[in-house]
Amino acid sequence: MPGTIVGFRGPGYISGVNVAGDHFHYINDDRKSGGHILSFESEGEVEVQAAMISKFHMDLPIGDDEFNEAALVKDEEGIVAVEGQQAFDRSGLRSTRQECRDAKI
């Protein structure tokens, strides 16, 4: 199904704010279907374009009680469900949790 895949690669330290590792989304040429993809392959011709980015900008709400009171915690099960086990492994969550257990934090 012809379409476009757009993605980015985030470093491990971005986990929790964004996705560590590779993150891809697909949309078909008629823009009627698409979504998050974990892997892909092609039997046809593929055009690849890449760009380096060096900035990450994030706007946070100001004066938003719901945001200010939200329990902003990492969701290990959610990462695995949406991004797959490899993304979870790259995120550093497992090693961070083990380090905390070892240090009895």
PDB file of N, CA and C in Angstrom:
ATOM      1  N   MET A   1       0.854  -1.170   0.000  1.00  0.00           N
ATOM      2  CA  MET A   1       0.000   0.000   0.000  1.00  0.00           C
ATOM      3  C   MET A   1       0.901   1.234   0.000  1.00  0.00           C
ATOM      4  N   PRO A   2       0.926   1.983  -1.082  1.00  0.00           N
ATOM      5  CA  PRO A   2       1.792   3.165  -1.165  1.00  0.00           C
ATOM      6  C   PRO A   2       1.438   4.194  -0.091  1.00  0.00           C
ATOM      7  N   GLY A   3       2.463   4.781   0.463  1.00  0.00           N
ATOM      8  CA  GLY A   3       2.258   5.788   1.493  1.00  0.00           C
ATOM      9  C   GLY A   3       3.567   6.374   1.950  1.00  0.00           C
ATOM     10  N   THR A   4       3.516   7.025   3.075  1.00  0.00           N
ATOM     11  CA  THR A   4       4.682   7.711   3.628  1.00  0.00           C
ATOM     12  C   THR A   4       4.904   7.263   5.055  1.00  0.00           C
ATOM     13  N   ILE A   5       6.162   7.014   5.372  1.00  0.00           N
ATOM     14  CA  ILE A   5       6.561   6.720   6.749  1.00  0.00           C
ATOM     15  C   ILE A   5       7.399   7.896   7.226  1.00  0.00           C
ATOM     16  N   VAL A   6       7.032   8.429   8.361  1.00  0.00           N
ATOM     17  CA  VAL A   6       7.765   9.527   8.972  1.00  0.00           C
ATOM     18  C   VAL A   6       8.227   9.054  10.336  1.00  0.00           C
ATOM     19  N   GLY A   7       9.470   9.328  10.656  1.00  0.00           N
ATOM     20  CA  GLY A   7       9.968   8.879  11.941  1.00  0.00           C
ATOM     21  C   GLY A   7      11.098   9.730  12.451  1.00  0.00           C
ATOM     22  N   PHE A   8      11.526   9.402  13.647  1.00  0.00           N
ATOM     23  CA  PHE A   8      12.664  10.074  14.251  1.00  0.00           C
ATOM     24  C   PHE A   8      13.347   9.117  15.210  1.00  0.00           C
ATOM     25  N   ARG A   9      14.556   9.433  15.581  1.00  0.00           N
ATOM     26  CA  ARG A   9      15.306   8.653  16.569  1.00  0.00           C
ATOM     27  C   ARG A   9      15.625   9.563  17.738  1.00  0.00           C
ATOM     28  N   GLY A  10      15.232   9.129  18.926  1.00  0.00           N
ATOM     29  CA  GLY A  10      15.505   9.898  20.134  1.00  0.00           C
ATOM     30  C   GLY A  10      16.535   9.197  20.994  1.00  0.00           C
ATOM     31  N   PRO A  11      17.411   9.955  21.619  1.00  0.00           N
ATOM     32  CA  PRO A  11      18.407   9.347  22.513  1.00  0.00           C
ATOM     33  C   PRO A  11      17.750   8.788  23.770  1.00  0.00           C
ATOM     34  N   GLY A  12      18.419   7.877  24.451  1.00  0.00           N
ATOM     35  CA  GLY A  12      17.876   7.234  25.636  1.00  0.00           C
ATOM     36  C   GLY A  12      17.444   8.199  26.719  1.00  0.00           C
ATOM     37  N   TYR A  13      18.166   9.306  26.876  1.00  0.00           N
ATOM     38  CA  TYR A  13      17.839  10.230  27.966  1.00  0.00           C
ATOM     39  C   TYR A  13      16.531  10.989  27.739  1.00  0.00           C
ATOM     40  N   ILE A  14      15.964  10.911  26.541  1.00  0.00           N
ATOM     41  CA  ILE A  14      14.705  11.600  26.260  1.00  0.00           C
ATOM     42  C   ILE A  14      13.494  10.787  26.719  1.00  0.00           C
ATOM     43  N   SER A  15      13.717   9.524  27.094  1.00  0.00           N
ATOM     44  CA  SER A  15      12.627   8.654  27.506  1.00  0.00           C
ATOM     45  C   SER A  15      11.846   9.285  28.653  1.00  0.00           C
ATOM     46  N   GLY A  16      10.557   9.192  28.564  1.00  0.00           N
ATOM     47  CA  GLY A  16       9.679   9.798  29.555  1.00  0.00           C
ATOM     48  C   GLY A  16       9.113  11.111  29.059  1.00  0.00           C
ATOM     49  N   VAL A  17       9.923  11.837  28.288  1.00  0.00           N
ATOM     50  CA  VAL A  17       9.453  13.069  27.668  1.00  0.00           C
ATOM     51  C   VAL A  17       9.025  12.776  26.237  1.00  0.00           C
ATOM     52  N   ASN A  18       9.759  11.883  25.613  1.00  0.00           N
ATOM     53  CA  ASN A  18       9.475  11.467  24.256  1.00  0.00           C
ATOM     54  C   ASN A  18       9.865  10.004  24.129  1.00  0.00           C
ATOM     55  N   VAL A  19      10.050   9.518  22.923  1.00  0.00           N
ATOM     56  CA  VAL A  19      10.356   8.111  22.692  1.00  0.00           C
ATOM     57  C   VAL A  19      11.851   7.930  22.482  1.00  0.00           C
ATOM     58  N   ALA A  20      12.453   7.043  23.265  1.00  0.00           N
ATOM     59  CA  ALA A  20      13.851   6.698  23.048  1.00  0.00           C
ATOM     60  C   ALA A  20      13.925   5.695  21.909  1.00  0.00           C
ATOM     61  N   GLY A  21      14.906   5.848  21.050  1.00  0.00           N
ATOM     62  CA  GLY A  21      15.063   4.936  19.922  1.00  0.00           C
ATOM     63  C   GLY A  21      14.260   5.400  18.720  1.00  0.00           C
ATOM     64  N   ASP A  22      14.000   4.474  17.814  1.00  0.00           N
ATOM     65  CA  ASP A  22      13.291   4.796  16.576  1.00  0.00           C
ATOM     66  C   ASP A  22      11.788   4.810  16.800  1.00  0.00           C
ATOM     67  N   HIS A  23      11.117   5.766  16.181  1.00  0.00           N
ATOM     68  CA  HIS A  23       9.672   5.924  16.331  1.00  0.00           C
ATOM     69  C   HIS A  23       9.104   6.295  14.960  1.00  0.00           C
ATOM     70  N   PHE A  24       8.173   5.471  14.449  1.00  0.00           N
ATOM     71  CA  PHE A  24       7.658   5.669  13.097  1.00  0.00           C
ATOM     72  C   PHE A  24       6.128   5.686  13.051  1.00  0.00           C
ATOM     73  N   HIS A  25       5.614   6.475  12.122  1.00  0.00           N
ATOM     74  CA  HIS A  25       4.191   6.504  11.803  1.00  0.00           C
ATOM     75  C   HIS A  25       4.042   6.404  10.292  1.00  0.00           C
ATOM     76  N   TYR A  26       2.936   5.809   9.858  1.00  0.00           N
ATOM     77  CA  TYR A  26       2.645   5.602   8.440  1.00  0.00           C
ATOM     78  C   TYR A  26       1.324   6.261   8.094  1.00  0.00           C
ATOM     79  N   ILE A  27       1.249   6.821   6.891  1.00  0.00           N
ATOM     80  CA  ILE A  27      -0.027   7.276   6.345  1.00  0.00           C
ATOM     81  C   ILE A  27      -0.048   6.910   4.860  1.00  0.00           C
ATOM     82  N   ASN A  28      -1.189   6.365   4.403  1.00  0.00           N
ATOM     83  CA  ASN A  28      -1.250   5.959   2.995  1.00  0.00           C
ATOM     84  C   ASN A  28      -1.424   7.187   2.105  1.00  0.00           C
ATOM     85  N   ASP A  29      -1.237   6.985   0.795  1.00  0.00           N
ATOM     86  CA  ASP A  29      -1.231   8.115  -0.137  1.00  0.00           C
ATOM     87  C   ASP A  29      -2.545   8.883  -0.190  1.00  0.00           C
ATOM     88  N   ASP A  30      -3.684   8.232   0.058  1.00  0.00           N
ATOM     89  CA  ASP A  30      -4.942   8.976   0.031  1.00  0.00           C
ATOM     90  C   ASP A  30      -5.282   9.603   1.393  1.00  0.00           C
ATOM     91  N   ARG A  31      -4.368   9.436   2.355  1.00  0.00           N
ATOM     92  CA  ARG A  31      -4.484  10.050   3.687  1.00  0.00           C
ATOM     93  C   ARG A  31      -5.724   9.591   4.458  1.00  0.00           C
ATOM     94  N   LYS A  32      -6.167   8.348   4.187  1.00  0.00           N
ATOM     95  CA  LYS A  32      -7.359   7.837   4.866  1.00  0.00           C
ATOM     96  C   LYS A  32      -7.043   6.766   5.902  1.00  0.00           C
ATOM     97  N   SER A  33      -5.830   6.241   5.896  1.00  0.00           N
ATOM     98  CA  SER A  33      -5.473   5.257   6.919  1.00  0.00           C
ATOM     99  C   SER A  33      -3.991   5.359   7.224  1.00  0.00           C
ATOM    100  N   GLY A  34      -3.646   4.915   8.403  1.00  0.00           N
ATOM    101  CA  GLY A  34      -2.258   4.959   8.828  1.00  0.00           C
ATOM    102  C   GLY A  34      -2.173   4.720  10.313  1.00  0.00           C
ATOM    103  N   GLY A  35      -1.033   4.963  10.872  1.00  0.00           N
ATOM    104  CA  GLY A  35      -0.869   4.812  12.311  1.00  0.00           C
ATOM    105  C   GLY A  35       0.554   4.499  12.700  1.00  0.00           C
ATOM    106  N   HIS A  36       0.710   4.127  13.929  1.00  0.00           N
ATOM    107  CA  HIS A  36       2.001   3.807  14.535  1.00  0.00           C
ATOM    108  C   HIS A  36       2.493   2.472  13.980  1.00  0.00           C
ATOM    109  N   ILE A  37       3.787   2.376  13.653  1.00  0.00           N
ATOM    110  CA  ILE A  37       4.337   1.109  13.171  1.00  0.00           C
ATOM    111  C   ILE A  37       5.563   0.728  13.987  1.00  0.00           C
ATOM    112  N   LEU A  38       5.705  -0.557  14.229  1.00  0.00           N
ATOM    113  CA  LEU A  38       6.838  -1.076  14.997  1.00  0.00           C
ATOM    114  C   LEU A  38       7.943  -1.614  14.095  1.00  0.00           C
ATOM    115  N   SER A  39       7.598  -2.098  12.911  1.00  0.00           N
ATOM    116  CA  SER A  39       8.598  -2.569  11.956  1.00  0.00           C
ATOM    117  C   SER A  39       7.981  -2.525  10.564  1.00  0.00           C
ATOM    118  N   PHE A  40       8.835  -2.590   9.544  1.00  0.00           N
ATOM    119  CA  PHE A  40       8.329  -2.554   8.179  1.00  0.00           C
ATOM    120  C   PHE A  40       9.364  -3.143   7.237  1.00  0.00           C
ATOM    121  N   GLU A  41       8.877  -3.576   6.099  1.00  0.00           N
ATOM    122  CA  GLU A  41       9.736  -4.058   5.021  1.00  0.00           C
ATOM    123  C   GLU A  41       9.012  -3.779   3.718  1.00  0.00           C
ATOM    124  N   SER A  42       9.757  -3.798   2.625  1.00  0.00           N
ATOM    125  CA  SER A  42       9.171  -3.513   1.334  1.00  0.00           C
ATOM    126  C   SER A  42       9.698  -4.489   0.299  1.00  0.00           C
ATOM    127  N   GLU A  43       8.823  -4.849  -0.616  1.00  0.00           N
ATOM    128  CA  GLU A  43       9.231  -5.662  -1.760  1.00  0.00           C
ATOM    129  C   GLU A  43       9.401  -4.777  -2.989  1.00  0.00           C
ATOM    130  N   GLY A  44       9.091  -3.511  -2.853  1.00  0.00           N
ATOM    131  CA  GLY A  44       9.184  -2.582  -3.978  1.00  0.00           C
ATOM    132  C   GLY A  44      10.234  -1.520  -3.742  1.00  0.00           C
ATOM    133  N   GLU A  45      10.190  -0.521  -4.593  1.00  0.00           N
ATOM    134  CA  GLU A  45      11.143   0.581  -4.518  1.00  0.00           C
ATOM    135  C   GLU A  45      10.801   1.486  -3.334  1.00  0.00           C
ATOM    136  N   VAL A  46      11.822   1.936  -2.636  1.00  0.00           N
ATOM    137  CA  VAL A  46      11.643   2.795  -1.470  1.00  0.00           C
ATOM    138  C   VAL A  46      12.552   4.003  -1.608  1.00  0.00           C
ATOM    139  N   GLU A  47      12.012   5.180  -1.356  1.00  0.00           N
ATOM    140  CA  GLU A  47      12.811   6.400  -1.334  1.00  0.00           C
ATOM    141  C   GLU A  47      13.011   6.797   0.122  1.00  0.00           C
ATOM    142  N   VAL A  48      14.242   7.067   0.496  1.00  0.00           N
ATOM    143  CA  VAL A  48      14.556   7.438   1.876  1.00  0.00           C
ATOM    144  C   VAL A  48      15.141   8.839   1.891  1.00  0.00           C
ATOM    145  N   GLN A  49      14.633   9.657   2.787  1.00  0.00           N
ATOM    146  CA  GLN A  49      15.174  10.995   3.020  1.00  0.00           C
ATOM    147  C   GLN A  49      15.429  11.128   4.507  1.00  0.00           C
ATOM    148  N   ALA A  50      16.486  11.823   4.872  1.00  0.00           N
ATOM    149  CA  ALA A  50      16.813  12.001   6.287  1.00  0.00           C
ATOM    150  C   ALA A  50      17.284  13.427   6.526  1.00  0.00           C
ATOM    151  N   ALA A  51      17.071  13.883   7.724  1.00  0.00           N
ATOM    152  CA  ALA A  51      17.528  15.210   8.128  1.00  0.00           C
ATOM    153  C   ALA A  51      18.010  15.137   9.568  1.00  0.00           C
ATOM    154  N   MET A  52      19.057  15.847   9.859  1.00  0.00           N
ATOM    155  CA  MET A  52      19.566  15.932  11.229  1.00  0.00           C
ATOM    156  C   MET A  52      18.867  17.097  11.919  1.00  0.00           C
ATOM    157  N   ILE A  53      18.430  16.867  13.137  1.00  0.00           N
ATOM    158  CA  ILE A  53      17.886  17.957  13.934  1.00  0.00           C
ATOM    159  C   ILE A  53      18.691  18.040  15.230  1.00  0.00           C
ATOM    160  N   SER A  54      18.845  19.236  15.720  1.00  0.00           N
ATOM    161  CA  SER A  54      19.655  19.413  16.920  1.00  0.00           C
ATOM    162  C   SER A  54      18.895  20.118  18.040  1.00  0.00           C
ATOM    163  N   LYS A  55      17.620  20.378  17.816  1.00  0.00           N
ATOM    164  CA  LYS A  55      16.834  21.074  18.829  1.00  0.00           C
ATOM    165  C   LYS A  55      15.553  20.312  19.105  1.00  0.00           C
ATOM    166  N   PHE A  56      15.125  20.384  20.329  1.00  0.00           N
ATOM    167  CA  PHE A  56      13.869  19.790  20.756  1.00  0.00           C
ATOM    168  C   PHE A  56      13.147  20.852  21.566  1.00  0.00           C
ATOM    169  N   HIS A  57      11.974  21.233  21.132  1.00  0.00           N
ATOM    170  CA  HIS A  57      11.211  22.281  21.813  1.00  0.00           C
ATOM    171  C   HIS A  57       9.913  21.682  22.340  1.00  0.00           C
ATOM    172  N   MET A  58       9.615  21.958  23.594  1.00  0.00           N
ATOM    173  CA  MET A  58       8.381  21.446  24.176  1.00  0.00           C
ATOM    174  C   MET A  58       7.693  22.572  24.944  1.00  0.00           C
ATOM    175  N   ASP A  59       6.438  22.802  24.633  1.00  0.00           N
ATOM    176  CA  ASP A  59       5.630  23.782  25.351  1.00  0.00           C
ATOM    177  C   ASP A  59       4.827  23.067  26.421  1.00  0.00           C
ATOM    178  N   LEU A  60       4.852  23.578  27.624  1.00  0.00           N
ATOM    179  CA  LEU A  60       4.063  23.043  28.724  1.00  0.00           C
ATOM    180  C   LEU A  60       2.985  24.048  29.088  1.00  0.00           C
ATOM    181  N   PRO A  61       1.826  23.561  29.502  1.00  0.00           N
ATOM    182  CA  PRO A  61       0.737  24.484  29.845  1.00  0.00           C
ATOM    183  C   PRO A  61       1.065  25.294  31.102  1.00  0.00           C
ATOM    184  N   ILE A  62       0.597  26.505  31.110  1.00  0.00           N
ATOM    185  CA  ILE A  62       0.765  27.387  32.262  1.00  0.00           C
ATOM    186  C   ILE A  62      -0.612  27.605  32.880  1.00  0.00           C
ATOM    187  N   GLY A  63      -0.704  27.467  34.195  1.00  0.00           N
ATOM    188  CA  GLY A  63      -1.965  27.708  34.879  1.00  0.00           C
ATOM    189  C   GLY A  63      -3.025  26.658  34.603  1.00  0.00           C
ATOM    190  N   ASP A  64      -2.610  25.459  34.277  1.00  0.00           N
ATOM    191  CA  ASP A  64      -3.538  24.371  33.991  1.00  0.00           C
ATOM    192  C   ASP A  64      -3.550  23.431  35.187  1.00  0.00           C
ATOM    193  N   ASP A  65      -4.585  23.513  36.023  1.00  0.00           N
ATOM    194  CA  ASP A  65      -4.637  22.714  37.251  1.00  0.00           C
ATOM    195  C   ASP A  65      -4.574  21.218  36.972  1.00  0.00           C
ATOM    196  N   GLU A  66      -5.263  20.768  35.921  1.00  0.00           N
ATOM    197  CA  GLU A  66      -5.252  19.333  35.604  1.00  0.00           C
ATOM    198  C   GLU A  66      -3.829  18.863  35.284  1.00  0.00           C
ATOM    199  N   PHE A  67      -3.100  19.651  34.502  1.00  0.00           N
ATOM    200  CA  PHE A  67      -1.716  19.294  34.188  1.00  0.00           C
ATOM    201  C   PHE A  67      -0.838  19.365  35.445  1.00  0.00           C
ATOM    202  N   ASN A  68      -0.993  20.420  36.216  1.00  0.00           N
ATOM    203  CA  ASN A  68      -0.161  20.608  37.411  1.00  0.00           C
ATOM    204  C   ASN A  68      -0.376  19.510  38.449  1.00  0.00           C
ATOM    205  N   GLU A  69      -1.554  18.912  38.477  1.00  0.00           N
ATOM    206  CA  GLU A  69      -1.856  17.876  39.456  1.00  0.00           C
ATOM    207  C   GLU A  69      -1.722  16.457  38.896  1.00  0.00           C
ATOM    208  N   ALA A  70      -1.387  16.343  37.620  1.00  0.00           N
ATOM    209  CA  ALA A  70      -1.285  15.020  36.986  1.00  0.00           C
ATOM    210  C   ALA A  70      -0.100  14.247  37.565  1.00  0.00           C
ATOM    211  N   ALA A  71      -0.290  12.949  37.700  1.00  0.00           N
ATOM    212  CA  ALA A  71       0.796  12.068  38.159  1.00  0.00           C
ATOM    213  C   ALA A  71       1.639  11.721  36.937  1.00  0.00           C
ATOM    214  N   LEU A  72       2.651  12.515  36.677  1.00  0.00           N
ATOM    215  CA  LEU A  72       3.494  12.322  35.502  1.00  0.00           C
ATOM    216  C   LEU A  72       4.576  11.296  35.832  1.00  0.00           C
ATOM    217  N   VAL A  73       4.253  10.052  35.572  1.00  0.00           N
ATOM    218  CA  VAL A  73       5.176   8.953  35.855  1.00  0.00           C
ATOM    219  C   VAL A  73       5.361   8.125  34.593  1.00  0.00           C
ATOM    220  N   LYS A  74       6.469   7.413  34.532  1.00  0.00           N
ATOM    221  CA  LYS A  74       6.717   6.534  33.393  1.00  0.00           C
ATOM    222  C   LYS A  74       5.808   5.319  33.504  1.00  0.00           C
ATOM    223  N   ASP A  75       5.258   4.928  32.393  1.00  0.00           N
ATOM    224  CA  ASP A  75       4.315   3.815  32.331  1.00  0.00           C
ATOM    225  C   ASP A  75       4.969   2.668  31.566  1.00  0.00           C
ATOM    226  N   GLU A  76       5.628   1.765  32.295  1.00  0.00           N
ATOM    227  CA  GLU A  76       6.360   0.675  31.661  1.00  0.00           C
ATOM    228  C   GLU A  76       5.457  -0.183  30.784  1.00  0.00           C
ATOM    229  N   GLU A  77       4.297  -0.576  31.291  1.00  0.00           N
ATOM    230  CA  GLU A  77       3.382  -1.420  30.517  1.00  0.00           C
ATOM    231  C   GLU A  77       2.887  -0.686  29.282  1.00  0.00           C
ATOM    232  N   GLY A  78       2.629   0.589  29.419  1.00  0.00           N
ATOM    233  CA  GLY A  78       2.171   1.381  28.273  1.00  0.00           C
ATOM    234  C   GLY A  78       3.232   1.494  27.196  1.00  0.00           C
ATOM    235  N   ILE A  79       4.478   1.688  27.593  1.00  0.00           N
ATOM    236  CA  ILE A  79       5.566   1.764  26.615  1.00  0.00           C
ATOM    237  C   ILE A  79       5.665   0.455  25.841  1.00  0.00           C
ATOM    238  N   VAL A  80       5.643  -0.659  26.555  1.00  0.00           N
ATOM    239  CA  VAL A  80       5.742  -1.965  25.895  1.00  0.00           C
ATOM    240  C   VAL A  80       4.542  -2.190  24.977  1.00  0.00           C
ATOM    241  N   ALA A  81       3.333  -1.815  25.419  1.00  0.00           N
ATOM    242  CA  ALA A  81       2.127  -2.035  24.619  1.00  0.00           C
ATOM    243  C   ALA A  81       2.136  -1.213  23.337  1.00  0.00           C
ATOM    244  N   VAL A  82       2.600   0.015  23.407  1.00  0.00           N
ATOM    245  CA  VAL A  82       2.547   0.907  22.249  1.00  0.00           C
ATOM    246  C   VAL A  82       3.825   0.858  21.419  1.00  0.00           C
ATOM    247  N   GLU A  83       4.965   0.873  22.072  1.00  0.00           N
ATOM    248  CA  GLU A  83       6.240   0.970  21.374  1.00  0.00           C
ATOM    249  C   GLU A  83       6.929  -0.372  21.164  1.00  0.00           C
ATOM    250  N   GLY A  84       6.548  -1.390  21.932  1.00  0.00           N
ATOM    251  CA  GLY A  84       7.198  -2.694  21.823  1.00  0.00           C
ATOM    252  C   GLY A  84       8.292  -2.859  22.868  1.00  0.00           C
ATOM    253  N   GLN A  85       8.689  -4.084  23.085  1.00  0.00           N
ATOM    254  CA  GLN A  85       9.686  -4.401  24.107  1.00  0.00           C
ATOM    255  C   GLN A  85      11.026  -3.734  23.821  1.00  0.00           C
ATOM    256  N   GLN A  86      11.424  -3.629  22.537  1.00  0.00           N
ATOM    257  CA  GLN A  86      12.718  -3.028  22.221  1.00  0.00           C
ATOM    258  C   GLN A  86      12.781  -1.579  22.669  1.00  0.00           C
ATOM    259  N   ALA A  87      11.696  -0.840  22.488  1.00  0.00           N
ATOM    260  CA  ALA A  87      11.676   0.556  22.926  1.00  0.00           C
ATOM    261  C   ALA A  87      11.796   0.638  24.435  1.00  0.00           C
ATOM    262  N   PHE A  88      11.125  -0.278  25.133  1.00  0.00           N
ATOM    263  CA  PHE A  88      11.217  -0.299  26.595  1.00  0.00           C
ATOM    264  C   PHE A  88      12.656  -0.583  27.014  1.00  0.00           C
ATOM    265  N   ASP A  89      13.289  -1.551  26.361  1.00  0.00           N
ATOM    266  CA  ASP A  89      14.665  -1.892  26.706  1.00  0.00           C
ATOM    267  C   ASP A  89      15.604  -0.715  26.460  1.00  0.00           C
ATOM    268  N   ARG A  90      15.372   0.055  25.376  1.00  0.00           N
ATOM    269  CA  ARG A  90      16.221   1.208  25.067  1.00  0.00           C
ATOM    270  C   ARG A  90      15.940   2.382  25.991  1.00  0.00           C
ATOM    271  N   SER A  91      14.774   2.400  26.621  1.00  0.00           N
ATOM    272  CA  SER A  91      14.364   3.568  27.392  1.00  0.00           C
ATOM    273  C   SER A  91      15.177   3.774  28.666  1.00  0.00           C
ATOM    274  N   GLY A  92      15.833   2.724  29.139  1.00  0.00           N
ATOM    275  CA  GLY A  92      16.585   2.831  30.371  1.00  0.00           C
ATOM    276  C   GLY A  92      15.743   2.627  31.608  1.00  0.00           C
ATOM    277  N   LEU A  93      14.444   2.390  31.442  1.00  0.00           N
ATOM    278  CA  LEU A  93      13.580   2.220  32.611  1.00  0.00           C
ATOM    279  C   LEU A  93      13.993   1.013  33.436  1.00  0.00           C
ATOM    280  N   ARG A  94      14.302  -0.091  32.763  1.00  0.00           N
ATOM    281  CA  ARG A  94      14.638  -1.308  33.499  1.00  0.00           C
ATOM    282  C   ARG A  94      15.896  -1.082  34.337  1.00  0.00           C
ATOM    283  N   SER A  95      16.950  -0.517  33.744  1.00  0.00           N
ATOM    284  CA  SER A  95      18.180  -0.332  34.506  1.00  0.00           C
ATOM    285  C   SER A  95      17.991   0.689  35.622  1.00  0.00           C
ATOM    286  N   THR A  96      17.218   1.736  35.359  1.00  0.00           N
ATOM    287  CA  THR A  96      16.968   2.739  36.393  1.00  0.00           C
ATOM    288  C   THR A  96      16.218   2.127  37.567  1.00  0.00           C
ATOM    289  N   ARG A  97      15.202   1.317  37.292  1.00  0.00           N
ATOM    290  CA  ARG A  97      14.455   0.668  38.366  1.00  0.00           C
ATOM    291  C   ARG A  97      15.346  -0.277  39.156  1.00  0.00           C
ATOM    292  N   GLN A  98      16.191  -1.039  38.465  1.00  0.00           N
ATOM    293  CA  GLN A  98      17.072  -1.966  39.167  1.00  0.00           C
ATOM    294  C   GLN A  98      18.083  -1.196  40.021  1.00  0.00           C
ATOM    295  N   GLU A  99      18.621  -0.112  39.494  1.00  0.00           N
ATOM    296  CA  GLU A  99      19.555   0.695  40.272  1.00  0.00           C
ATOM    297  C   GLU A  99      18.891   1.227  41.535  1.00  0.00           C
ATOM    298  N   CYS A 100      17.630   1.658  41.429  1.00  0.00           N
ATOM    299  CA  CYS A 100      16.900   2.153  42.594  1.00  0.00           C
ATOM    300  C   CYS A 100      16.679   1.035  43.602  1.00  0.00           C
ATOM    301  N   ARG A 101      16.335  -0.157  43.115  1.00  0.00           N
ATOM    302  CA  ARG A 101      16.144  -1.286  44.034  1.00  0.00           C
ATOM    303  C   ARG A 101      17.460  -1.625  44.738  1.00  0.00           C
ATOM    304  N   ASP A 102      18.546  -1.661  43.972  1.00  0.00           N
ATOM    305  CA  ASP A 102      19.843  -1.980  44.551  1.00  0.00           C
ATOM    306  C   ASP A 102      20.272  -0.966  45.604  1.00  0.00           C
ATOM    307  N   ALA A 103      19.912   0.294  45.346  1.00  0.00           N
ATOM    308  CA  ALA A 103      20.276   1.372  46.283  1.00  0.00           C
ATOM    309  C   ALA A 103      19.215   1.525  47.387  1.00  0.00           C
ATOM    310  N   LYS A 104      18.154   0.723  47.301  1.00  0.00           N
ATOM    311  CA  LYS A 104      17.043   0.779  48.261  1.00  0.00           C
ATOM    312  C   LYS A 104      16.404   2.167  48.318  1.00  0.00           C
ATOM    313  N   ILE A 105      16.198   2.718  47.135  1.00  0.00           N
ATOM    314  CA  ILE A 105      15.556   4.041  47.027  1.00  0.00           C
ATOM    315  C   ILE A 105      14.063   3.841  46.917  1.00  0.00           C
TER     316      ILE A 105
END
